[in-house]
Amino acid sequence: MAAGLLDRTAAGIAAEVGRRIRCGTLPPGERLPTVRDLARELKVSPATVNQAWRALASAGAIVSRGRAGTFVATTVPAPHPAGRYQRLHSQSDSAFRIDLSRGTPDPALLPDLTSALRVLGGDDAIDDLSATYLGEAMLPELEATVRTTWPLRAERFTVLDGALDAVDRLLAAHVRLGDAVAVENPCFPPFLDLLSRMGARPIPIGMDDHGPLPGELADALARYSPTALLLQPRAQNPTGASLSARRVRELTDVLADHPLLIIEDDHSDGIAHSPLRSLGGRLPGRTVHIRSYSKSHGADLRLAIAGGPAAYLDPVVERRMLGPGWSSRLLQRVLLQMLTDDTARTTVATARTTYRTRADTLRRALARHGLHIARGDGINLWLPVSDENAAMIALAASGIKAAPGGPFEVTEHPRTDHLRLTTAALRDGDIAEVAAHLASAATASPTYRRVRRA
């Protein structure tokens, strides 16, 4: 394999292996060397080979079969299909009078950004920040503020450009091609897109109203030895489930003898009613907790805070210094101002109550039509329907847009179809009508009957 590989960078390895696959020198189904064996042969780091293997897997040229090894794909690589997240957001939004698909907060319920900027306008520290490449990536004052409410003992804190950026960087630093990663099922679609792009295998863990099922997690650990567990501790997107204290104990008991990385995405801090329960309370040495402020304070801040063991976060911080370096300290000051300002705190509290009221009102309206949905948390509802496509079409005919459930499902053939509904901006005057349309759509039958596989 090493013969003829003159450029031993990740790009050079990927280009040469890709050329050999295209010309048939490496035939379909051929088993490739392990990352460590090829790295030893080429006298490069395993990380270099792994980066090349990830690029080839993303292009569809090679496939990982777990412990069996990595092989040349048996089919001709096709252009990479649109990601799951893209499938949720078509370009036809203007055709709908009511949009329940977005998964975003109500802009009218966000704190006033201009007020924070006016307060900071007279702060001499702003000029100091804008003139230096040095200093801590995270403002010490911001770290001190969040540390008081952090759910685990964290050795290290850092600020990243949103929760997805944090998840992406943690996975890139600690997950390798072919690794198994345990995820909730259903799951936030971008997580599945990220794992697909890096050639990792998502292992679905079923859920109930209290979070991932311990029995399924135990089975996944025994069968697949995952490198990481990725979960949302409360207001889970799309189901609204939140970890109970009992479920935390059950999950951490299952995980006690399995040294995998736990990544928690608390994307609804500030607007969630459920108390924050973290696996890191019992497993602090293996848990990185991520707190996003997009839904509570505004997506355009692009800020999330990650806190956990230095062994997991230091590689992320060090790698980031070779690119963007840090998240804007000016924006960090804006967030700090809003986190400590009484008016902004009241606005967030009002949003939390308003979101709960809107979701509860829609649930009660659906119940009057015979549709009973468990009370979750956050701004989304997970609506079971007879057929996803038929339900989407029925709603579209009424001018209502919902998110299809398929992209959230880890398994290819879920037992039940769903739609994901975002209630954040749903107006009181629309709820009765929307509930009636949802009830009708939930029972809509497809024009052509599908065969649901076991």
Protein backbone atom coordinates (compact mmCIF):
# COMPACT_ATOMS: atom_id res chain seq x y z
CA MET A 1 0.00 0.00 0.00
CA ALA A 2 2.84 2.42 0.84
CA ALA A 3 4.60 1.95 -2.51
CA GLY A 4 3.99 4.98 -4.71
CA LEU A 5 2.52 7.10 -1.93
CA LEU A 6 4.88 10.06 -2.29
CA ASP A 7 2.68 12.73 -0.68
CA ARG A 8 2.18 11.46 2.85
CA THR A 9 -0.14 14.19 4.02
CA ALA A 10 -3.79 13.34 4.66
CA ALA A 11 -4.75 14.95 1.35
CA GLY A 12 -2.05 13.06 -0.52
CA ILE A 13 -3.01 9.71 0.97
CA ALA A 14 -6.70 10.29 0.22
CA ALA A 15 -5.95 11.37 -3.36
CA GLU A 16 -3.71 8.39 -4.15
CA VAL A 17 -5.99 5.77 -2.56
CA GLY A 18 -8.95 7.34 -4.34
CA ARG A 19 -7.07 7.17 -7.67
CA ARG A 20 -6.27 3.49 -7.14
CA ILE A 21 -9.94 2.76 -6.38
CA ARG A 22 -11.10 4.57 -9.53
CA CYS A 23 -8.64 2.80 -11.80
CA GLY A 24 -9.31 -0.62 -10.30
CA THR A 25 -5.94 -1.22 -8.67
CA LEU A 26 -7.90 -1.50 -5.42
CA PRO A 27 -10.96 -3.53 -6.46
CA PRO A 28 -14.41 -3.34 -4.82
CA GLY A 29 -14.53 -5.30 -1.59
CA GLU A 30 -10.75 -5.18 -1.01
CA ARG A 31 -9.84 -4.98 2.68
CA LEU A 32 -7.66 -1.98 3.48
CA PRO A 33 -4.91 -1.85 6.11
CA THR A 34 -5.85 -0.63 9.56
CA VAL A 35 -5.16 2.99 10.36
CA ARG A 36 -2.34 2.06 12.74
CA ASP A 37 -0.73 -0.43 10.34
CA LEU A 38 -0.70 2.02 7.44
CA ALA A 39 0.52 4.85 9.68
CA ARG A 40 3.40 2.65 10.82
CA GLU A 41 4.22 1.71 7.21
CA LEU A 42 4.13 5.33 6.02
CA LYS A 43 5.85 6.66 9.15
CA VAL A 44 3.08 9.20 9.79
CA SER A 45 0.70 9.68 12.70
CA PRO A 46 -2.49 7.60 12.91
CA ALA A 47 -4.42 10.89 12.93
CA THR A 48 -3.11 11.66 9.41
CA VAL A 49 -4.30 8.32 8.02
CA ASN A 50 -7.59 8.58 9.90
CA GLN A 51 -8.25 11.98 8.32
CA ALA A 52 -7.64 10.52 4.86
CA TRP A 53 -9.89 7.53 5.61
CA ARG A 54 -12.67 9.84 6.79
CA ALA A 55 -12.50 11.85 3.57
CA LEU A 56 -12.68 8.68 1.49
CA ALA A 57 -15.60 7.36 3.54
CA SER A 58 -17.46 10.66 3.19
CA ALA A 59 -16.98 10.44 -0.59
CA GLY A 60 -18.42 6.91 -0.58
CA ALA A 61 -15.16 5.31 -1.77
CA ILE A 62 -14.60 3.13 1.31
CA VAL A 63 -16.83 1.69 4.02
CA SER A 64 -16.15 0.65 7.59
CA ARG A 65 -17.57 -2.63 8.86
CA GLY A 66 -16.67 -2.12 12.47
CA ARG A 67 -14.33 -4.74 13.88
CA ALA A 68 -14.22 -6.55 10.53
CA GLY A 69 -12.18 -3.68 9.07
CA THR A 70 -12.38 -1.05 6.33
CA PHE A 71 -13.09 -2.04 2.73
CA VAL A 72 -13.26 -0.53 -0.74
CA ALA A 73 -16.93 0.19 -1.47
CA THR A 74 -18.65 -2.35 -3.70
CA THR A 75 -20.63 0.28 -5.60
CA VAL A 76 -19.45 3.26 -7.61
CA PRO A 77 -19.40 6.36 -5.35
CA ALA A 78 -22.29 8.68 -6.10
CA PRO A 79 -22.58 12.36 -5.23
CA HIS A 80 -23.19 12.67 -1.48
CA PRO A 81 -26.94 12.85 -0.83
CA ALA A 82 -28.47 15.81 0.90
CA GLY A 83 -28.08 15.59 4.64
CA ARG A 84 -30.96 14.86 6.98
CA TYR A 85 -30.94 18.44 8.25
CA GLN A 86 -31.35 19.82 4.71
CA ARG A 87 -34.38 17.59 4.19
CA LEU A 88 -36.14 19.37 7.05
CA HIS A 89 -35.92 22.83 5.50
CA SER A 90 -37.14 23.18 1.95
CA GLN A 91 -37.01 26.48 0.08
CA SER A 92 -40.83 26.80 -0.11
CA ASP A 93 -41.43 28.46 3.25
CA SER A 94 -43.26 31.42 1.70
CA ALA A 95 -46.04 29.10 0.48
CA PHE A 96 -47.16 28.38 4.06
CA ARG A 97 -49.21 30.66 6.27
CA ILE A 98 -48.28 28.75 9.46
CA ASP A 99 -44.80 27.26 9.85
CA LEU A 100 -44.36 24.62 12.58
CA SER A 101 -41.19 23.15 11.10
CA ARG A 102 -38.34 25.40 12.14
CA GLY A 103 -37.31 24.32 15.63
CA THR A 104 -36.44 27.92 16.49
CA PRO A 105 -37.61 30.28 19.25
CA ASP A 106 -40.09 33.12 18.87
CA PRO A 107 -38.02 36.24 18.03
CA ALA A 108 -40.49 38.37 20.01
CA LEU A 109 -39.55 36.51 23.21
CA LEU A 110 -35.78 36.99 23.04
CA PRO A 111 -33.96 39.50 25.27
CA ASP A 112 -33.24 42.90 23.75
CA LEU A 113 -29.77 42.69 22.23
CA THR A 114 -29.53 46.44 21.66
CA SER A 115 -29.93 47.13 25.38
CA ALA A 116 -26.91 44.98 26.16
CA LEU A 117 -24.91 46.72 23.44
CA ARG A 118 -25.81 50.16 24.80
CA VAL A 119 -24.66 49.16 28.29
CA LEU A 120 -21.38 47.85 26.91
CA GLY A 121 -20.84 50.93 24.76
CA GLY A 122 -19.22 52.78 27.64
CA ASP A 123 -17.06 49.86 28.79
CA ASP A 124 -13.35 50.58 28.30
CA ALA A 125 -12.65 46.81 28.43
CA ILE A 126 -14.22 46.45 24.98
CA ASP A 127 -11.37 48.39 23.37
CA ASP A 128 -8.83 46.21 25.15
CA LEU A 129 -10.46 43.03 23.83
CA SER A 130 -10.64 44.16 20.23
CA ALA A 131 -6.91 44.80 19.95
CA THR A 132 -5.36 41.50 21.07
CA TYR A 133 -4.87 37.92 19.91
CA LEU A 134 -3.76 36.94 23.38
CA GLY A 135 -5.66 36.12 26.54
CA GLU A 136 -8.05 33.37 27.51
CA ALA A 137 -10.47 31.97 24.93
CA MET A 138 -13.25 32.37 27.49
CA LEU A 139 -13.81 35.51 29.53
CA PRO A 140 -13.03 34.75 33.19
CA GLU A 141 -16.16 36.63 34.28
CA LEU A 142 -18.33 34.50 32.01
CA GLU A 143 -16.75 31.31 33.31
CA ALA A 144 -17.34 32.41 36.89
CA THR A 145 -21.00 33.12 36.11
CA VAL A 146 -21.76 29.76 34.47
CA ARG A 147 -19.71 27.74 36.93
CA THR A 148 -22.23 28.50 39.70
CA THR A 149 -24.99 26.61 37.84
CA TRP A 150 -22.92 23.94 36.06
CA PRO A 151 -24.26 20.42 36.70
CA LEU A 152 -20.87 18.72 37.18
CA ARG A 153 -17.37 19.41 38.46
CA ALA A 154 -15.66 20.70 35.33
CA GLU A 155 -11.88 20.95 35.03
CA ARG A 156 -12.06 23.02 31.88
CA PHE A 157 -14.48 25.46 30.24
CA THR A 158 -14.42 26.87 26.74
CA VAL A 159 -16.74 28.85 24.47
CA LEU A 160 -17.60 27.57 21.00
CA ASP A 161 -19.73 28.80 18.10
CA GLY A 162 -22.97 27.10 19.09
CA ALA A 163 -23.86 23.62 20.33
CA LEU A 164 -23.38 21.95 16.93
CA ASP A 165 -19.91 23.42 16.63
CA ALA A 166 -19.09 22.03 20.06
CA VAL A 167 -20.44 18.57 19.22
CA ASP A 168 -18.65 18.57 15.86
CA ARG A 169 -15.29 19.48 17.40
CA LEU A 170 -15.60 16.93 20.21
CA LEU A 171 -16.48 14.16 17.79
CA ALA A 172 -13.65 15.15 15.44
CA ALA A 173 -11.15 15.06 18.31
CA HIS A 174 -12.22 11.78 19.88
CA VAL A 175 -14.11 9.63 17.34
CA ARG A 176 -12.36 7.75 14.54
CA LEU A 177 -13.48 6.23 11.26
CA GLY A 178 -15.64 3.16 11.93
CA ASP A 179 -16.19 3.94 15.62
CA ALA A 180 -19.64 3.28 17.03
CA VAL A 181 -21.40 6.20 18.73
CA ALA A 182 -24.54 5.61 20.82
CA VAL A 183 -27.31 8.13 20.06
CA GLU A 184 -30.91 8.64 21.10
CA ASN A 185 -33.55 7.31 18.74
CA PRO A 186 -35.16 9.53 17.50
CA CYS A 187 -32.24 11.91 17.33
CA PHE A 188 -31.42 15.49 16.27
CA PRO A 189 -30.67 15.08 12.51
CA PRO A 190 -27.42 17.13 12.38
CA PHE A 191 -25.84 14.69 14.86
CA LEU A 192 -26.48 11.87 12.40
CA ASP A 193 -25.14 13.99 9.52
CA LEU A 194 -21.93 14.68 11.44
CA LEU A 195 -21.41 11.00 12.22
CA SER A 196 -22.07 10.07 8.59
CA ARG A 197 -19.53 12.58 7.30
CA MET A 198 -16.79 11.23 9.57
CA GLY A 199 -17.55 7.58 8.84
CA ALA A 200 -18.74 6.75 12.35
CA ARG A 201 -21.69 4.42 13.03
CA PRO A 202 -24.69 5.69 14.99
CA ILE A 203 -26.06 3.04 17.35
CA PRO A 204 -29.72 3.79 18.16
CA ILE A 205 -30.86 3.76 21.78
CA GLY A 206 -34.63 3.79 22.18
CA MET A 207 -36.29 6.35 24.44
CA ASP A 208 -39.27 6.92 26.68
CA ASP A 209 -40.47 10.06 28.44
CA HIS A 210 -37.50 9.89 30.85
CA GLY A 211 -34.69 9.57 28.32
CA PRO A 212 -32.63 6.74 26.78
CA LEU A 213 -33.61 3.21 27.86
CA PRO A 214 -30.96 1.62 30.12
CA GLY A 215 -31.56 -1.88 28.75
CA GLU A 216 -30.94 -0.80 25.17
CA LEU A 217 -27.84 1.13 26.20
CA ALA A 218 -26.48 -1.94 28.02
CA ASP A 219 -27.09 -4.05 24.93
CA ALA A 220 -25.35 -1.49 22.70
CA LEU A 221 -22.33 -1.39 24.99
CA ALA A 222 -22.01 -5.17 24.95
CA ARG A 223 -22.49 -5.55 21.18
CA TYR A 224 -20.74 -2.50 19.71
CA SER A 225 -18.34 -1.02 22.33
CA PRO A 226 -19.19 2.59 21.36
CA THR A 227 -16.57 5.28 21.71
CA ALA A 228 -19.06 7.94 22.76
CA LEU A 229 -22.64 8.53 23.90
CA LEU A 230 -24.41 11.61 22.54
CA LEU A 231 -27.61 12.73 24.28
CA GLN A 232 -29.84 15.69 25.14
CA PRO A 233 -30.55 15.73 28.89
CA ARG A 234 -33.79 17.75 28.71
CA ALA A 235 -36.32 19.07 26.20
CA GLN A 236 -34.97 16.44 23.82
CA ASN A 237 -35.38 17.36 20.17
CA PRO A 238 -37.75 16.05 18.82
CA THR A 239 -39.59 14.25 21.65
CA GLY A 240 -39.38 16.78 24.51
CA ALA A 241 -38.20 14.06 26.92
CA SER A 242 -36.07 14.98 29.94
CA LEU A 243 -33.89 12.82 32.16
CA SER A 244 -35.42 11.86 35.49
CA ALA A 245 -33.27 11.41 38.60
CA ARG A 246 -33.96 7.68 38.51
CA ARG A 247 -32.99 7.42 34.84
CA VAL A 248 -29.69 9.20 35.55
CA ARG A 249 -28.89 6.58 38.20
CA GLU A 250 -29.86 3.74 35.87
CA LEU A 251 -27.81 5.03 32.95
CA THR A 252 -24.72 5.82 34.99
CA ASP A 253 -24.87 2.36 36.61
CA VAL A 254 -24.88 0.84 33.10
CA LEU A 255 -21.98 3.09 32.03
CA ALA A 256 -19.88 2.61 35.15
CA ASP A 257 -17.52 0.03 33.63
CA HIS A 258 -17.42 1.44 30.10
CA PRO A 259 -14.90 4.32 29.64
CA LEU A 260 -16.62 6.13 26.79
CA LEU A 261 -17.00 9.88 26.22
CA ILE A 262 -20.42 11.27 27.21
CA ILE A 263 -21.49 14.40 25.31
CA GLU A 264 -24.55 16.21 26.66
CA ASP A 265 -26.25 18.90 24.56
CA ASP A 266 -28.40 21.12 26.80
CA HIS A 267 -29.76 23.22 23.95
CA SER A 268 -32.75 24.65 25.84
CA ASP A 269 -31.16 26.11 28.94
CA GLY A 270 -33.21 29.06 30.12
CA ILE A 271 -36.46 28.04 28.41
CA ALA A 272 -36.77 24.48 29.75
CA HIS A 273 -38.95 23.80 32.81
CA SER A 274 -37.40 20.44 33.68
CA PRO A 275 -34.55 20.55 36.19
CA LEU A 276 -31.17 19.96 34.64
CA ARG A 277 -29.96 16.44 35.38
CA SER A 278 -26.56 15.43 34.04
CA LEU A 279 -24.82 12.08 33.87
CA GLY A 280 -21.75 14.11 34.79
CA GLY A 281 -23.03 14.42 38.33
CA ARG A 282 -22.02 10.79 38.82
CA LEU A 283 -19.47 10.43 36.01
CA PRO A 284 -17.68 13.81 35.92
CA GLY A 285 -14.44 12.39 34.54
CA ARG A 286 -16.11 11.27 31.31
CA THR A 287 -18.81 13.86 30.67
CA VAL A 288 -18.62 17.04 28.58
CA HIS A 289 -21.72 19.18 29.10
CA ILE A 290 -22.67 21.74 26.45
CA ARG A 291 -24.95 24.67 27.19
CA SER A 292 -26.34 26.62 24.24
CA TYR A 293 -27.87 30.10 24.38
CA SER A 294 -29.41 30.12 20.89
CA LYS A 295 -32.98 29.41 22.01
CA SER A 296 -32.89 31.56 25.11
CA HIS A 297 -30.85 34.59 24.01
CA GLY A 298 -30.63 34.47 20.22
CA ALA A 299 -29.16 32.18 17.56
CA ASP A 300 -27.03 34.91 16.00
CA LEU A 301 -24.87 35.12 19.13
CA ARG A 302 -23.49 31.73 17.95
CA LEU A 303 -22.32 30.89 21.45
CA ALA A 304 -22.30 27.71 23.50
CA ILE A 305 -20.22 26.81 26.54
CA ALA A 306 -18.65 23.39 27.01
CA GLY A 307 -17.41 22.25 30.38
CA GLY A 308 -15.88 18.96 31.46
CA PRO A 309 -12.61 17.04 31.75
CA ALA A 310 -9.46 18.71 30.47
CA ALA A 311 -8.47 15.48 28.70
CA TYR A 312 -11.47 15.86 26.37
CA LEU A 313 -11.59 19.64 25.99
CA ASP A 314 -7.90 20.56 25.72
CA PRO A 315 -7.50 18.87 22.28
CA VAL A 316 -10.52 20.84 21.07
CA VAL A 317 -9.13 24.15 22.34
CA GLU A 318 -5.65 23.47 20.94
CA ARG A 319 -6.92 22.46 17.50
CA ARG A 320 -9.22 25.47 17.37
CA MET A 321 -6.30 27.83 17.95
CA LEU A 322 -5.02 26.78 14.51
CA GLY A 323 -8.24 28.03 12.92
CA PRO A 324 -10.70 30.60 14.30
CA GLY A 325 -8.86 30.70 17.63
CA TRP A 326 -11.75 31.67 19.87
CA SER A 327 -15.34 32.85 19.84
CA SER A 328 -15.60 36.62 19.81
CA ARG A 329 -15.01 38.02 23.29
CA LEU A 330 -17.20 40.95 22.32
CA LEU A 331 -20.12 38.57 21.88
CA GLN A 332 -19.15 36.86 25.11
CA ARG A 333 -19.47 40.22 26.87
CA VAL A 334 -22.90 40.71 25.31
CA LEU A 335 -24.00 37.31 26.59
CA LEU A 336 -22.53 37.98 30.03
CA GLN A 337 -24.43 41.26 30.21
CA MET A 338 -27.72 39.52 29.35
CA LEU A 339 -27.09 36.68 31.80
CA THR A 340 -26.64 39.14 34.66
CA ASP A 341 -29.17 41.85 33.67
CA ASP A 342 -32.48 41.69 35.57
CA THR A 343 -34.57 42.79 32.58
CA ALA A 344 -33.03 40.19 30.28
CA ARG A 345 -33.46 37.48 32.92
CA THR A 346 -37.13 38.41 33.27
CA THR A 347 -37.57 38.23 29.49
CA VAL A 348 -36.13 34.71 29.38
CA ALA A 349 -38.35 33.63 32.28
CA THR A 350 -41.40 35.03 30.49
CA ALA A 351 -40.44 33.14 27.33
CA ARG A 352 -40.13 29.91 29.31
CA THR A 353 -43.66 30.30 30.69
CA THR A 354 -45.10 31.37 27.33
CA TYR A 355 -43.62 28.39 25.51
CA ARG A 356 -45.03 26.00 28.10
CA THR A 357 -48.48 27.63 27.84
CA ARG A 358 -48.55 27.42 24.04
CA ALA A 359 -47.50 23.76 24.02
CA ASP A 360 -50.01 22.82 26.72
CA THR A 361 -52.82 24.64 24.95
CA LEU A 362 -52.10 22.75 21.72
CA ARG A 363 -51.93 19.42 23.61
CA ARG A 364 -55.33 20.05 25.18
CA ALA A 365 -56.79 21.02 21.81
CA LEU A 366 -55.40 17.83 20.26
CA ALA A 367 -56.82 15.77 23.13
CA ARG A 368 -60.29 17.06 22.28
CA HIS A 369 -59.77 15.44 18.87
CA GLY A 370 -58.66 12.17 20.45
CA LEU A 371 -54.91 12.73 20.06
CA HIS A 372 -53.13 12.38 23.41
CA ILE A 373 -49.46 13.41 23.58
CA ALA A 374 -47.35 13.14 26.73
CA ARG A 375 -46.31 16.44 28.24
CA GLY A 376 -42.72 17.05 27.27
CA ASP A 377 -40.51 20.10 27.63
CA GLY A 378 -39.16 22.74 25.29
CA ILE A 379 -40.65 24.09 22.09
CA ASN A 380 -41.29 20.88 20.10
CA LEU A 381 -43.98 18.19 19.97
CA TRP A 382 -43.51 14.69 18.50
CA LEU A 383 -46.81 13.85 16.81
CA PRO A 384 -47.55 10.23 15.80
CA VAL A 385 -49.27 9.93 12.41
CA SER A 386 -50.51 7.07 10.26
CA ASP A 387 -48.31 8.08 7.33
CA GLU A 388 -45.69 10.83 7.28
CA ASN A 389 -46.03 11.80 3.62
CA ALA A 390 -49.82 11.78 3.67
CA ALA A 391 -49.85 13.92 6.82
CA MET A 392 -47.40 16.43 5.32
CA ILE A 393 -49.50 16.71 2.16
CA ALA A 394 -52.73 17.16 4.12
CA LEU A 395 -51.19 19.94 6.20
CA ALA A 396 -49.65 21.62 3.16
CA ALA A 397 -53.08 21.78 1.56
CA SER A 398 -54.19 23.78 4.61
CA GLY A 399 -51.17 26.08 4.44
CA ILE A 400 -49.40 24.49 7.41
CA LYS A 401 -45.79 23.29 7.33
CA ALA A 402 -44.43 20.64 9.70
CA ALA A 403 -41.10 18.85 9.86
CA PRO A 404 -41.10 15.23 8.65
CA GLY A 405 -40.19 12.68 11.29
CA GLY A 406 -38.03 10.52 9.02
CA PRO A 407 -34.80 12.53 9.28
CA PHE A 408 -34.93 12.21 13.09
CA GLU A 409 -35.13 8.41 12.98
CA VAL A 410 -31.84 6.53 13.28
CA THR A 411 -33.37 3.28 12.03
CA GLU A 412 -34.48 3.05 8.42
CA HIS A 413 -37.96 1.66 9.07
CA PRO A 414 -39.47 3.06 12.30
CA ARG A 415 -42.51 1.32 13.71
CA THR A 416 -44.55 4.51 13.74
CA ASP A 417 -44.45 7.63 11.57
CA HIS A 418 -44.20 11.05 13.23
CA LEU A 419 -44.08 14.77 12.53
CA ARG A 420 -42.00 17.23 14.55
CA LEU A 421 -43.98 20.36 15.42
CA THR A 422 -42.44 23.56 16.79
CA THR A 423 -44.94 25.45 18.95
CA ALA A 424 -42.68 28.38 19.89
CA ALA A 425 -44.33 31.02 17.68
CA LEU A 426 -47.83 29.47 17.50
CA ARG A 427 -50.41 32.19 18.18
CA ASP A 428 -53.35 31.65 20.53
CA GLY A 429 -55.87 32.45 17.83
CA ASP A 430 -54.48 29.75 15.53
CA ILE A 431 -54.31 26.85 17.99
CA ALA A 432 -57.87 25.51 17.65
CA GLU A 433 -57.69 25.53 13.85
CA VAL A 434 -54.19 24.03 13.79
CA ALA A 435 -55.24 21.24 16.16
CA ALA A 436 -58.16 20.33 13.90
CA HIS A 437 -55.90 20.15 10.85
CA LEU A 438 -53.30 18.13 12.76
CA ALA A 439 -55.92 15.65 13.92
CA SER A 440 -57.13 15.19 10.36
CA ALA A 441 -53.59 14.87 9.00
CA ALA A 442 -52.64 12.31 11.67
CA THR A 443 -55.09 9.81 10.20
CA ALA A 444 -54.55 10.64 6.52
CA SER A 445 -53.88 7.58 4.36
CA PRO A 446 -51.30 7.44 1.55
CA THR A 447 -52.44 7.26 -2.04
CA TYR A 448 -50.12 4.30 -2.53
CA ARG A 449 -49.83 1.94 0.39
CA ARG A 450 -46.31 1.33 1.64
CA VAL A 451 -45.06 -2.04 2.87
CA ARG A 452 -43.61 -1.47 6.31
CA ARG A 453 -40.75 -3.84 6.97
CA ALA A 454 -40.24 -5.52 10.30
